[in-house]
Amino acid sequence: MIQHKEISDKDLLSKIKHQEIRFGGNIKLKIYGTLSCASGKKMKRDNRVFFFEETEAINNGFRPCSHCMKEPYKKWKHETI
């Protein structure tokens, strides 16, 4: 997990371009989603984190975003109820 405030914009863009970073998340809400998610683009830089793999987000206690990851979110919600 990489916090946005701890990586330069140049390094971040390079890692995204080379598909090293594939998911983003909100550290306070413990939600992760795709890098193209409109909800994720609105969050504060201090709250934003990045993940190399989806399993990394899950292992860190994050849940799927209900906007950009509808099916994984439904599965997560069904399993937690």
PDB file of N, CA and C in Angstrom:
ATOM      1  N   MET A   1       0.847  -1.168   0.000  1.00  0.00           N
ATOM      2  CA  MET A   1       0.000   0.000   0.000  1.00  0.00           C
ATOM      3  C   MET A   1       0.897   1.236   0.000  1.00  0.00           C
ATOM      4  N   ILE A   2       0.594   2.154  -0.879  1.00  0.00           N
ATOM      5  CA  ILE A   2       1.352   3.396  -0.992  1.00  0.00           C
ATOM      6  C   ILE A   2       0.405   4.565  -0.727  1.00  0.00           C
ATOM      7  N   GLN A   3       0.766   5.430   0.203  1.00  0.00           N
ATOM      8  CA  GLN A   3      -0.041   6.624   0.428  1.00  0.00           C
ATOM      9  C   GLN A   3       0.309   7.665  -0.621  1.00  0.00           C
ATOM     10  N   HIS A   4      -0.720   8.353  -1.125  1.00  0.00           N
ATOM     11  CA  HIS A   4      -0.521   9.327  -2.199  1.00  0.00           C
ATOM     12  C   HIS A   4       0.455  10.416  -1.785  1.00  0.00           C
ATOM     13  N   LYS A   5       0.381  10.842  -0.530  1.00  0.00           N
ATOM     14  CA  LYS A   5       1.255  11.923  -0.081  1.00  0.00           C
ATOM     15  C   LYS A   5       2.717  11.487   0.029  1.00  0.00           C
ATOM     16  N   GLU A   6       2.994  10.189  -0.092  1.00  0.00           N
ATOM     17  CA  GLU A   6       4.361   9.680   0.037  1.00  0.00           C
ATOM     18  C   GLU A   6       5.018   9.315  -1.295  1.00  0.00           C
ATOM     19  N   ILE A   7       4.338   9.610  -2.414  1.00  0.00           N
ATOM     20  CA  ILE A   7       4.896   9.287  -3.725  1.00  0.00           C
ATOM     21  C   ILE A   7       4.787  10.526  -4.609  1.00  0.00           C
ATOM     22  N   SER A   8       5.814  10.771  -5.402  1.00  0.00           N
ATOM     23  CA  SER A   8       5.782  11.927  -6.302  1.00  0.00           C
ATOM     24  C   SER A   8       4.791  11.658  -7.437  1.00  0.00           C
ATOM     25  N   ASP A   9       4.274  12.728  -7.995  1.00  0.00           N
ATOM     26  CA  ASP A   9       3.337  12.585  -9.110  1.00  0.00           C
ATOM     27  C   ASP A   9       3.981  11.865 -10.292  1.00  0.00           C
ATOM     28  N   LYS A  10       5.246  12.142 -10.530  1.00  0.00           N
ATOM     29  CA  LYS A  10       5.974  11.503 -11.639  1.00  0.00           C
ATOM     30  C   LYS A  10       6.081   9.994 -11.420  1.00  0.00           C
ATOM     31  N   ASP A  11       6.460   9.578 -10.213  1.00  0.00           N
ATOM     32  CA  ASP A  11       6.566   8.148  -9.916  1.00  0.00           C
ATOM     33  C   ASP A  11       5.199   7.468  -9.971  1.00  0.00           C
ATOM     34  N   LEU A  12       4.182   8.158  -9.475  1.00  0.00           N
ATOM     35  CA  LEU A  12       2.839   7.607  -9.492  1.00  0.00           C
ATOM     36  C   LEU A  12       2.372   7.368 -10.921  1.00  0.00           C
ATOM     37  N   LEU A  13       2.518   8.358 -11.775  1.00  0.00           N
ATOM     38  CA  LEU A  13       2.096   8.209 -13.163  1.00  0.00           C
ATOM     39  C   LEU A  13       2.862   7.097 -13.873  1.00  0.00           C
ATOM     40  N   SER A  14       4.135   6.970 -13.566  1.00  0.00           N
ATOM     41  CA  SER A  14       4.943   5.909 -14.164  1.00  0.00           C
ATOM     42  C   SER A  14       4.434   4.528 -13.735  1.00  0.00           C
ATOM     43  N   LYS A  15       4.140   4.382 -12.454  1.00  0.00           N
ATOM     44  CA  LYS A  15       3.650   3.097 -11.947  1.00  0.00           C
ATOM     45  C   LYS A  15       2.271   2.753 -12.511  1.00  0.00           C
ATOM     46  N   ILE A  16       1.428   3.765 -12.691  1.00  0.00           N
ATOM     47  CA  ILE A  16       0.107   3.536 -13.289  1.00  0.00           C
ATOM     48  C   ILE A  16       0.270   3.161 -14.757  1.00  0.00           C
ATOM     49  N   LYS A  17       1.122   3.879 -15.471  1.00  0.00           N
ATOM     50  CA  LYS A  17       1.357   3.610 -16.896  1.00  0.00           C
ATOM     51  C   LYS A  17       1.856   2.188 -17.121  1.00  0.00           C
ATOM     52  N   HIS A  18       2.732   1.720 -16.235  1.00  0.00           N
ATOM     53  CA  HIS A  18       3.284   0.369 -16.358  1.00  0.00           C
ATOM     54  C   HIS A  18       2.419  -0.673 -15.636  1.00  0.00           C
ATOM     55  N   GLN A  19       1.239  -0.270 -15.230  1.00  0.00           N
ATOM     56  CA  GLN A  19       0.251  -1.127 -14.561  1.00  0.00           C
ATOM     57  C   GLN A  19       0.805  -1.802 -13.308  1.00  0.00           C
ATOM     58  N   GLU A  20       1.707  -1.118 -12.637  1.00  0.00           N
ATOM     59  CA  GLU A  20       2.190  -1.619 -11.352  1.00  0.00           C
ATOM     60  C   GLU A  20       1.166  -1.293 -10.266  1.00  0.00           C
ATOM     61  N   ILE A  21       0.551  -0.111 -10.371  1.00  0.00           N
ATOM     62  CA  ILE A  21      -0.530   0.282  -9.463  1.00  0.00           C
ATOM     63  C   ILE A  21      -1.833   0.095 -10.231  1.00  0.00           C
ATOM     64  N   ARG A  22      -2.772  -0.668  -9.633  1.00  0.00           N
ATOM     65  CA  ARG A  22      -4.001  -0.985 -10.353  1.00  0.00           C
ATOM     66  C   ARG A  22      -5.271  -0.558  -9.622  1.00  0.00           C
ATOM     67  N   PHE A  23      -5.159  -0.248  -8.327  1.00  0.00           N
ATOM     68  CA  PHE A  23      -6.330   0.138  -7.541  1.00  0.00           C
ATOM     69  C   PHE A  23      -5.987   1.301  -6.620  1.00  0.00           C
ATOM     70  N   GLY A  24      -7.019   2.076  -6.293  1.00  0.00           N
ATOM     71  CA  GLY A  24      -6.864   3.167  -5.344  1.00  0.00           C
ATOM     72  C   GLY A  24      -7.857   2.988  -4.220  1.00  0.00           C
ATOM     73  N   GLY A  25      -7.616   3.662  -3.107  1.00  0.00           N
ATOM     74  CA  GLY A  25      -8.526   3.523  -1.984  1.00  0.00           C
ATOM     75  C   GLY A  25      -8.520   4.731  -1.074  1.00  0.00           C
ATOM     76  N   ASN A  26      -9.496   4.743  -0.179  1.00  0.00           N
ATOM     77  CA  ASN A  26      -9.623   5.782   0.835  1.00  0.00           C
ATOM     78  C   ASN A  26      -9.248   5.161   2.170  1.00  0.00           C
ATOM     79  N   ILE A  27      -8.163   5.637   2.752  1.00  0.00           N
ATOM     80  CA  ILE A  27      -7.637   5.032   3.975  1.00  0.00           C
ATOM     81  C   ILE A  27      -8.569   5.242   5.166  1.00  0.00           C
ATOM     82  N   LYS A  28      -9.291   6.346   5.195  1.00  0.00           N
ATOM     83  CA  LYS A  28     -10.199   6.606   6.319  1.00  0.00           C
ATOM     84  C   LYS A  28     -11.473   5.774   6.222  1.00  0.00           C
ATOM     85  N   LEU A  29     -12.019   5.629   5.018  1.00  0.00           N
ATOM     86  CA  LEU A  29     -13.260   4.878   4.837  1.00  0.00           C
ATOM     87  C   LEU A  29     -13.026   3.393   4.610  1.00  0.00           C
ATOM     88  N   LYS A  30     -11.764   3.023   4.318  1.00  0.00           N
ATOM     89  CA  LYS A  30     -11.397   1.625   4.048  1.00  0.00           C
ATOM     90  C   LYS A  30     -12.166   1.076   2.840  1.00  0.00           C
ATOM     91  N   ILE A  31     -12.208   1.882   1.767  1.00  0.00           N
ATOM     92  CA  ILE A  31     -12.861   1.498   0.514  1.00  0.00           C
ATOM     93  C   ILE A  31     -11.814   1.530  -0.594  1.00  0.00           C
ATOM     94  N   TYR A  32     -11.835   0.532  -1.489  1.00  0.00           N
ATOM     95  CA  TYR A  32     -10.929   0.538  -2.638  1.00  0.00           C
ATOM     96  C   TYR A  32     -11.731   0.400  -3.918  1.00  0.00           C
ATOM     97  N   GLY A  33     -11.143   0.857  -5.019  1.00  0.00           N
ATOM     98  CA  GLY A  33     -11.813   0.766  -6.310  1.00  0.00           C
ATOM     99  C   GLY A  33     -10.839   0.948  -7.452  1.00  0.00           C
ATOM    100  N   THR A  34     -11.396   1.072  -8.640  1.00  0.00           N
ATOM    101  CA  THR A  34     -10.576   1.243  -9.837  1.00  0.00           C
ATOM    102  C   THR A  34     -10.001   2.656  -9.876  1.00  0.00           C
ATOM    103  N   LEU A  35      -8.950   2.833 -10.631  1.00  0.00           N
ATOM    104  CA  LEU A  35      -8.322   4.149 -10.734  1.00  0.00           C
ATOM    105  C   LEU A  35      -9.172   5.129 -11.532  1.00  0.00           C
ATOM    106  N   SER A  36     -10.127   4.638 -12.303  1.00  0.00           N
ATOM    107  CA  SER A  36     -10.982   5.514 -13.103  1.00  0.00           C
ATOM    108  C   SER A  36     -12.277   5.892 -12.390  1.00  0.00           C
ATOM    109  N   CYS A  37     -12.467   5.467 -11.171  1.00  0.00           N
ATOM    110  CA  CYS A  37     -13.702   5.728 -10.424  1.00  0.00           C
ATOM    111  C   CYS A  37     -13.860   7.223 -10.127  1.00  0.00           C
ATOM    112  N   ALA A  38     -15.031   7.759 -10.437  1.00  0.00           N
ATOM    113  CA  ALA A  38     -15.305   9.180 -10.183  1.00  0.00           C
ATOM    114  C   ALA A  38     -15.260   9.491  -8.694  1.00  0.00           C
ATOM    115  N   SER A  39     -15.720   8.585  -7.870  1.00  0.00           N
ATOM    116  CA  SER A  39     -15.701   8.805  -6.415  1.00  0.00           C
ATOM    117  C   SER A  39     -14.270   8.902  -5.902  1.00  0.00           C
ATOM    118  N   GLY A  40     -13.415   8.050  -6.409  1.00  0.00           N
ATOM    119  CA  GLY A  40     -12.021   8.048  -5.982  1.00  0.00           C
ATOM    120  C   GLY A  40     -11.274   9.306  -6.387  1.00  0.00           C
ATOM    121  N   LYS A  41     -11.646   9.866  -7.517  1.00  0.00           N
ATOM    122  CA  LYS A  41     -10.963  11.070  -7.994  1.00  0.00           C
ATOM    123  C   LYS A  41     -11.317  12.296  -7.161  1.00  0.00           C
ATOM    124  N   LYS A  42     -12.400  12.222  -6.396  1.00  0.00           N
ATOM    125  CA  LYS A  42     -12.849  13.365  -5.597  1.00  0.00           C
ATOM    126  C   LYS A  42     -12.245  13.402  -4.197  1.00  0.00           C
ATOM    127  N   MET A  43     -11.642  12.321  -3.759  1.00  0.00           N
ATOM    128  CA  MET A  43     -11.159  12.277  -2.371  1.00  0.00           C
ATOM    129  C   MET A  43      -9.897  13.115  -2.177  1.00  0.00           C
ATOM    130  N   LYS A  44      -9.677  13.495  -0.937  1.00  0.00           N
ATOM    131  CA  LYS A  44      -8.497  14.282  -0.589  1.00  0.00           C
ATOM    132  C   LYS A  44      -7.239  13.445  -0.787  1.00  0.00           C
ATOM    133  N   ARG A  45      -6.209  14.106  -1.210  1.00  0.00           N
ATOM    134  CA  ARG A  45      -4.907  13.450  -1.435  1.00  0.00           C
ATOM    135  C   ARG A  45      -4.408  12.756  -0.165  1.00  0.00           C
ATOM    136  N   ASP A  46      -4.636  13.375   1.001  1.00  0.00           N
ATOM    137  CA  ASP A  46      -4.178  12.797   2.274  1.00  0.00           C
ATOM    138  C   ASP A  46      -4.866  11.481   2.603  1.00  0.00           C
ATOM    139  N   ASN A  47      -6.061  11.260   2.060  1.00  0.00           N
ATOM    140  CA  ASN A  47      -6.823  10.039   2.337  1.00  0.00           C
ATOM    141  C   ASN A  47      -6.597   8.946   1.297  1.00  0.00           C
ATOM    142  N   ARG A  48      -5.951   9.282   0.183  1.00  0.00           N
ATOM    143  CA  ARG A  48      -5.818   8.356  -0.946  1.00  0.00           C
ATOM    144  C   ARG A  48      -4.612   7.438  -0.788  1.00  0.00           C
ATOM    145  N   VAL A  49      -4.847   6.156  -1.058  1.00  0.00           N
ATOM    146  CA  VAL A  49      -3.783   5.153  -1.078  1.00  0.00           C
ATOM    147  C   VAL A  49      -3.886   4.364  -2.376  1.00  0.00           C
ATOM    148  N   PHE A  50      -2.817   3.687  -2.727  1.00  0.00           N
ATOM    149  CA  PHE A  50      -2.784   2.892  -3.955  1.00  0.00           C
ATOM    150  C   PHE A  50      -2.341   1.475  -3.645  1.00  0.00           C
ATOM    151  N   PHE A  51      -2.856   0.536  -4.443  1.00  0.00           N
ATOM    152  CA  PHE A  51      -2.545  -0.876  -4.259  1.00  0.00           C
ATOM    153  C   PHE A  51      -2.045  -1.473  -5.572  1.00  0.00           C
ATOM    154  N   PHE A  52      -1.138  -2.426  -5.426  1.00  0.00           N
ATOM    155  CA  PHE A  52      -0.619  -3.131  -6.596  1.00  0.00           C
ATOM    156  C   PHE A  52      -1.612  -4.179  -7.082  1.00  0.00           C
ATOM    157  N   GLU A  53      -2.306  -4.819  -6.165  1.00  0.00           N
ATOM    158  CA  GLU A  53      -3.255  -5.880  -6.488  1.00  0.00           C
ATOM    159  C   GLU A  53      -4.507  -5.733  -5.624  1.00  0.00           C
ATOM    160  N   GLU A  54      -5.597  -6.275  -6.088  1.00  0.00           N
ATOM    161  CA  GLU A  54      -6.851  -6.240  -5.328  1.00  0.00           C
ATOM    162  C   GLU A  54      -6.713  -6.981  -4.003  1.00  0.00           C
ATOM    163  N   THR A  55      -5.980  -8.083  -4.009  1.00  0.00           N
ATOM    164  CA  THR A  55      -5.807  -8.857  -2.779  1.00  0.00           C
ATOM    165  C   THR A  55      -5.090  -8.048  -1.697  1.00  0.00           C
ATOM    166  N   GLU A  56      -4.225  -7.152  -2.119  1.00  0.00           N
ATOM    167  CA  GLU A  56      -3.528  -6.290  -1.161  1.00  0.00           C
ATOM    168  C   GLU A  56      -4.519  -5.386  -0.430  1.00  0.00           C
ATOM    169  N   ALA A  57      -5.473  -4.844  -1.160  1.00  0.00           N
ATOM    170  CA  ALA A  57      -6.503  -3.997  -0.537  1.00  0.00           C
ATOM    171  C   ALA A  57      -7.354  -4.814   0.432  1.00  0.00           C
ATOM    172  N   ILE A  58      -7.769  -5.987   0.000  1.00  0.00           N
ATOM    173  CA  ILE A  58      -8.604  -6.849   0.837  1.00  0.00           C
ATOM    174  C   ILE A  58      -7.848  -7.260   2.096  1.00  0.00           C
ATOM    175  N   ASN A  59      -6.588  -7.629   1.952  1.00  0.00           N
ATOM    176  CA  ASN A  59      -5.774  -8.040   3.099  1.00  0.00           C
ATOM    177  C   ASN A  59      -5.540  -6.907   4.096  1.00  0.00           C
ATOM    178  N   ASN A  60      -5.671  -5.662   3.630  1.00  0.00           N
ATOM    179  CA  ASN A  60      -5.523  -4.505   4.505  1.00  0.00           C
ATOM    180  C   ASN A  60      -6.868  -4.046   5.075  1.00  0.00           C
ATOM    181  N   GLY A  61      -7.921  -4.837   4.872  1.00  0.00           N
ATOM    182  CA  GLY A  61      -9.217  -4.553   5.466  1.00  0.00           C
ATOM    183  C   GLY A  61     -10.095  -3.588   4.693  1.00  0.00           C
ATOM    184  N   PHE A  62      -9.813  -3.372   3.409  1.00  0.00           N
ATOM    185  CA  PHE A  62     -10.628  -2.489   2.581  1.00  0.00           C
ATOM    186  C   PHE A  62     -11.757  -3.278   1.931  1.00  0.00           C
ATOM    187  N   ARG A  63     -12.873  -2.603   1.681  1.00  0.00           N
ATOM    188  CA  ARG A  63     -13.996  -3.217   0.986  1.00  0.00           C
ATOM    189  C   ARG A  63     -14.124  -2.612  -0.409  1.00  0.00           C
ATOM    190  N   PRO A  64     -14.784  -3.316  -1.341  1.00  0.00           N
ATOM    191  CA  PRO A  64     -14.943  -2.791  -2.704  1.00  0.00           C
ATOM    192  C   PRO A  64     -15.858  -1.566  -2.750  1.00  0.00           C
ATOM    193  N   CYS A  65     -15.601  -0.692  -3.694  1.00  0.00           N
ATOM    194  CA  CYS A  65     -16.420   0.496  -3.939  1.00  0.00           C
ATOM    195  C   CYS A  65     -17.750   0.072  -4.558  1.00  0.00           C
ATOM    196  N   SER A  66     -18.830   0.676  -4.083  1.00  0.00           N
ATOM    197  CA  SER A  66     -20.151   0.325  -4.612  1.00  0.00           C
ATOM    198  C   SER A  66     -20.434   0.987  -5.954  1.00  0.00           C
ATOM    199  N   HIS A  67     -19.622   1.952  -6.359  1.00  0.00           N
ATOM    200  CA  HIS A  67     -19.839   2.638  -7.635  1.00  0.00           C
ATOM    201  C   HIS A  67     -19.119   1.965  -8.801  1.00  0.00           C
ATOM    202  N   CYS A  68     -17.839   1.710  -8.640  1.00  0.00           N
ATOM    203  CA  CYS A  68     -17.061   1.194  -9.769  1.00  0.00           C
ATOM    204  C   CYS A  68     -16.849  -0.318  -9.730  1.00  0.00           C
ATOM    205  N   MET A  69     -17.182  -0.944  -8.604  1.00  0.00           N
ATOM    206  CA  MET A  69     -16.979  -2.392  -8.463  1.00  0.00           C
ATOM    207  C   MET A  69     -18.271  -3.033  -7.935  1.00  0.00           C
ATOM    208  N   LYS A  70     -19.323  -2.876  -8.705  1.00  0.00           N
ATOM    209  CA  LYS A  70     -20.658  -3.286  -8.259  1.00  0.00           C
ATOM    210  C   LYS A  70     -20.752  -4.757  -7.870  1.00  0.00           C
ATOM    211  N   GLU A  71     -20.249  -5.646  -8.694  1.00  0.00           N
ATOM    212  CA  GLU A  71     -20.358  -7.082  -8.391  1.00  0.00           C
ATOM    213  C   GLU A  71     -19.531  -7.490  -7.165  1.00  0.00           C
ATOM    214  N   PRO A  72     -18.256  -7.087  -7.095  1.00  0.00           N
ATOM    215  CA  PRO A  72     -17.499  -7.422  -5.874  1.00  0.00           C
ATOM    216  C   PRO A  72     -18.129  -6.805  -4.618  1.00  0.00           C
ATOM    217  N   TYR A  73     -18.708  -5.606  -4.758  1.00  0.00           N
ATOM    218  CA  TYR A  73     -19.361  -4.968  -3.619  1.00  0.00           C
ATOM    219  C   TYR A  73     -20.581  -5.780  -3.169  1.00  0.00           C
ATOM    220  N   LYS A  74     -21.399  -6.216  -4.130  1.00  0.00           N
ATOM    221  CA  LYS A  74     -22.582  -7.029  -3.788  1.00  0.00           C
ATOM    222  C   LYS A  74     -22.163  -8.317  -3.086  1.00  0.00           C
ATOM    223  N   LYS A  75     -21.117  -8.943  -3.582  1.00  0.00           N
ATOM    224  CA  LYS A  75     -20.618 -10.169  -2.959  1.00  0.00           C
ATOM    225  C   LYS A  75     -20.127  -9.888  -1.543  1.00  0.00           C
ATOM    226  N   TRP A  76     -19.354  -8.821  -1.360  1.00  0.00           N
ATOM    227  CA  TRP A  76     -18.855  -8.441  -0.049  1.00  0.00           C
ATOM    228  C   TRP A  76     -20.014  -8.149   0.905  1.00  0.00           C
ATOM    229  N   LYS A  77     -20.990  -7.402   0.434  1.00  0.00           N
ATOM    230  CA  LYS A  77     -22.132  -7.030   1.268  1.00  0.00           C
ATOM    231  C   LYS A  77     -22.922  -8.263   1.683  1.00  0.00           C
ATOM    232  N   HIS A  78     -23.133  -9.170   0.743  1.00  0.00           N
ATOM    233  CA  HIS A  78     -23.879 -10.403   1.035  1.00  0.00           C
ATOM    234  C   HIS A  78     -23.138 -11.262   2.074  1.00  0.00           C
ATOM    235  N   GLU A  79     -21.827 -11.288   1.992  1.00  0.00           N
ATOM    236  CA  GLU A  79     -21.022 -12.098   2.913  1.00  0.00           C
ATOM    237  C   GLU A  79     -20.939 -11.493   4.309  1.00  0.00           C
ATOM    238  N   THR A  80     -21.111 -10.176   4.424  1.00  0.00           N
ATOM    239  CA  THR A  80     -20.978  -9.528   5.725  1.00  0.00           C
ATOM    240  C   THR A  80     -22.299  -9.387   6.461  1.00  0.00           C
ATOM    241  N   ILE A  81     -23.394  -9.660   5.788  1.00  0.00           N
ATOM    242  CA  ILE A  81     -24.718  -9.550   6.437  1.00  0.00           C
ATOM    243  C   ILE A  81     -25.107 -10.876   7.074  1.00  0.00           C
TER     244      ILE A  81
END
